[in-house]
C-alpha atoms as a PDB file:
ATOM      1  CA  MET A   1       3.948 -17.441  10.161  1.00  0.00           C
ATOM      2  CA  LYS A   2       0.203 -17.586  10.618  1.00  0.00           C
ATOM      3  CA  TYR A   3      -1.602 -15.688  13.344  1.00  0.00           C
ATOM      4  CA  MET A   4      -5.210 -15.551  14.436  1.00  0.00           C
ATOM      5  CA  PHE A   5      -6.554 -12.093  15.194  1.00  0.00           C
ATOM      6  CA  VAL A   6      -9.566 -12.158  17.540  1.00  0.00           C
ATOM      7  CA  TYR A   7     -11.522  -8.900  17.420  1.00  0.00           C
ATOM      8  CA  ARG A   8     -13.398  -7.619  20.457  1.00  0.00           C
ATOM      9  CA  GLY A   9     -15.391  -4.442  20.089  1.00  0.00           C
ATOM     10  CA  GLY A  10     -15.242  -1.334  22.149  1.00  0.00           C
ATOM     11  CA  ASP A  11     -17.934   1.109  23.170  1.00  0.00           C
ATOM     12  CA  VAL A  12     -18.731   2.939  19.926  1.00  0.00           C
ATOM     13  CA  PRO A  13     -21.038   5.958  20.317  1.00  0.00           C
ATOM     14  CA  GLU A  14     -24.253   5.531  18.348  1.00  0.00           C
ATOM     15  CA  ASP A  15     -23.546   8.565  16.188  1.00  0.00           C
ATOM     16  CA  GLN A  16     -20.186   7.020  15.151  1.00  0.00           C
ATOM     17  CA  ALA A  17     -21.402   3.449  14.510  1.00  0.00           C
ATOM     18  CA  ASP A  18     -21.945   3.705  10.741  1.00  0.00           C
ATOM     19  CA  ARG A  19     -18.606   5.425  10.168  1.00  0.00           C
ATOM     20  CA  ASN A  20     -16.848   2.906  12.412  1.00  0.00           C
ATOM     21  CA  ILE A  21     -18.301  -0.045  10.494  1.00  0.00           C
ATOM     22  CA  ARG A  22     -17.173   1.443   7.170  1.00  0.00           C
ATOM     23  CA  GLU A  23     -13.683   2.021   8.593  1.00  0.00           C
ATOM     24  CA  LEU A  24     -13.514  -1.524  10.007  1.00  0.00           C
ATOM     25  CA  TRP A  25     -14.413  -3.075   6.635  1.00  0.00           C
ATOM     26  CA  ALA A  26     -11.915  -0.825   4.844  1.00  0.00           C
ATOM     27  CA  TRP A  27      -9.198  -1.828   7.340  1.00  0.00           C
ATOM     28  CA  LEU A  28      -9.943  -5.539   6.834  1.00  0.00           C
ATOM     29  CA  ASP A  29     -10.037  -5.129   3.059  1.00  0.00           C
ATOM     30  CA  ARG A  30      -6.604  -3.435   3.136  1.00  0.00           C
ATOM     31  CA  LEU A  31      -5.189  -6.372   5.142  1.00  0.00           C
ATOM     32  CA  LYS A  32      -6.512  -8.728   2.479  1.00  0.00           C
ATOM     33  CA  GLU A  33      -5.386  -6.599  -0.491  1.00  0.00           C
ATOM     34  CA  GLN A  34      -1.881  -6.334   0.964  1.00  0.00           C
ATOM     35  CA  GLY A  35      -1.719 -10.123   1.224  1.00  0.00           C
ATOM     36  CA  TYR A  36      -1.804 -10.426   5.016  1.00  0.00           C
ATOM     37  CA  GLU A  37      -5.329 -11.678   5.683  1.00  0.00           C
ATOM     38  CA  THR A  38      -6.005 -15.181   4.334  1.00  0.00           C
ATOM     39  CA  ALA A  39      -9.354 -15.957   6.014  1.00  0.00           C
ATOM     40  CA  ARG A  40     -12.081 -13.990   7.783  1.00  0.00           C
ATOM     41  CA  PHE A  41     -14.727 -15.194  10.213  1.00  0.00           C
ATOM     42  CA  ALA A  42     -17.854 -13.487  11.515  1.00  0.00           C
ATOM     43  CA  GLY A  43     -18.416 -13.364  15.255  1.00  0.00           C
ATOM     44  CA  TYR A  44     -21.589 -15.364  15.186  1.00  0.00           C
ATOM     45  CA  GLY A  45     -22.166 -19.073  15.245  1.00  0.00           C
ATOM     46  CA  ARG A  46     -22.788 -21.739  17.834  1.00  0.00           C
ATOM     47  CA  SER A  47     -21.401 -22.531  21.279  1.00  0.00           C
ATOM     48  CA  VAL A  48     -21.064 -26.132  22.397  1.00  0.00           C
ATOM     49  CA  VAL A  49     -21.612 -25.931  26.147  1.00  0.00           C
ATOM     50  CA  SER A  50     -21.759 -29.613  27.016  1.00  0.00           C
ATOM     51  CA  GLN A  51     -22.240 -32.891  25.240  1.00  0.00           C
ATOM     52  CA  GLY A  52     -25.399 -32.482  23.208  1.00  0.00           C
ATOM     53  CA  ALA A  53     -26.036 -28.892  24.333  1.00  0.00           C
ATOM     54  CA  VAL A  54     -25.517 -26.222  21.703  1.00  0.00           C
ATOM     55  CA  ASP A  55     -26.508 -22.553  21.967  1.00  0.00           C
ATOM     56  CA  ASP A  56     -26.219 -19.522  19.730  1.00  0.00           C
ATOM     57  CA  TYR A  57     -22.913 -17.744  20.320  1.00  0.00           C
ATOM     58  CA  ALA A  58     -23.472 -14.750  22.600  1.00  0.00           C
ATOM     59  CA  GLY A  59     -19.936 -13.641  23.470  1.00  0.00           C
ATOM     60  CA  ASP A  60     -18.064 -10.437  22.793  1.00  0.00           C
ATOM     61  CA  VAL A  61     -15.977 -11.620  19.809  1.00  0.00           C
ATOM     62  CA  PHE A  62     -17.258  -9.942  16.677  1.00  0.00           C
ATOM     63  CA  GLY A  63     -14.819 -11.485  14.247  1.00  0.00           C
ATOM     64  CA  MET A  64     -11.543 -13.248  13.591  1.00  0.00           C
ATOM     65  CA  SER A  65      -8.942 -13.287  10.834  1.00  0.00           C
ATOM     66  CA  ILE A  66      -6.102 -15.560   9.874  1.00  0.00           C
ATOM     67  CA  VAL A  67      -3.147 -13.327   9.062  1.00  0.00           C
ATOM     68  CA  GLU A  68       0.242 -14.177   7.631  1.00  0.00           C
ATOM     69  CA  ALA A  69       3.145 -12.082   8.876  1.00  0.00           C
ATOM     70  CA  GLU A  70       6.891 -12.572   9.124  1.00  0.00           C
ATOM     71  CA  ASN A  71       6.842 -12.543  12.927  1.00  0.00           C
ATOM     72  CA  LEU A  72       4.773 -11.552  15.946  1.00  0.00           C
ATOM     73  CA  GLU A  73       6.125  -8.005  15.923  1.00  0.00           C
ATOM     74  CA  GLN A  74       4.920  -7.493  12.351  1.00  0.00           C
ATOM     75  CA  ALA A  75       1.528  -8.982  13.235  1.00  0.00           C
ATOM     76  CA  VAL A  76       1.202  -6.555  16.144  1.00  0.00           C
ATOM     77  CA  ALA A  77       2.273  -3.637  13.936  1.00  0.00           C
ATOM     78  CA  LEU A  78      -0.526  -4.448  11.481  1.00  0.00           C
ATOM     79  CA  THR A  79      -3.072  -3.608  14.196  1.00  0.00           C
ATOM     80  CA  ALA A  80      -1.774  -0.080  14.898  1.00  0.00           C
ATOM     81  CA  ASP A  81      -4.502   1.644  12.876  1.00  0.00           C
ATOM     82  CA  TRP A  82      -7.400  -0.687  13.670  1.00  0.00           C
ATOM     83  CA  PRO A  83     -10.369   1.699  13.933  1.00  0.00           C
ATOM     84  CA  GLU A  84     -11.946   0.041  16.983  1.00  0.00           C
ATOM     85  CA  LEU A  85      -8.944   0.813  19.224  1.00  0.00           C
ATOM     86  CA  GLN A  86     -10.108   4.397  19.739  1.00  0.00           C
ATOM     87  CA  TYR A  87     -13.305   3.036  21.319  1.00  0.00           C
ATOM     88  CA  GLY A  88     -11.624   0.582  23.682  1.00  0.00           C
ATOM     89  CA  GLY A  89     -11.737  -2.423  21.356  1.00  0.00           C
ATOM     90  CA  ARG A  90      -8.927  -4.941  21.415  1.00  0.00           C
ATOM     91  CA  ILE A  91      -7.332  -7.575  19.250  1.00  0.00           C
ATOM     92  CA  GLU A  92      -5.865 -10.737  20.681  1.00  0.00           C
ATOM     93  CA  ILE A  93      -3.174 -12.308  18.528  1.00  0.00           C
ATOM     94  CA  PHE A  94      -2.483 -16.036  18.658  1.00  0.00           C
ATOM     95  CA  GLU A  95       0.445 -17.715  16.890  1.00  0.00           C
ATOM     96  CA  SER A  96      -0.178 -20.858  14.857  1.00  0.00           C
ATOM     97  CA  LEU A  97       1.395 -24.018  16.207  1.00  0.00           C
ATOM     98  CA  SER A  98       2.109 -25.377  12.748  1.00  0.00           C
END
């Protein structure tokens, strides 16, 4: 099954920011190397706010991944060591309809 992971950051202390970023990239790279992550998206882009009105994205999502797992429980288990959790970050997991 395919799942979308939506990453929302926590409150990382300034003196931990560089280490946290390195750990986040390493965590994502492990997901990919282990064959779970199939696509990765940055948390920047555009927001369509009405017909013809487009703004730069300014929300709190800092990234997304498409992940393949056997079931929702396995998808949730893959997030157990996500580095941002210790700072109050969260991951929302959405199941593919197809």
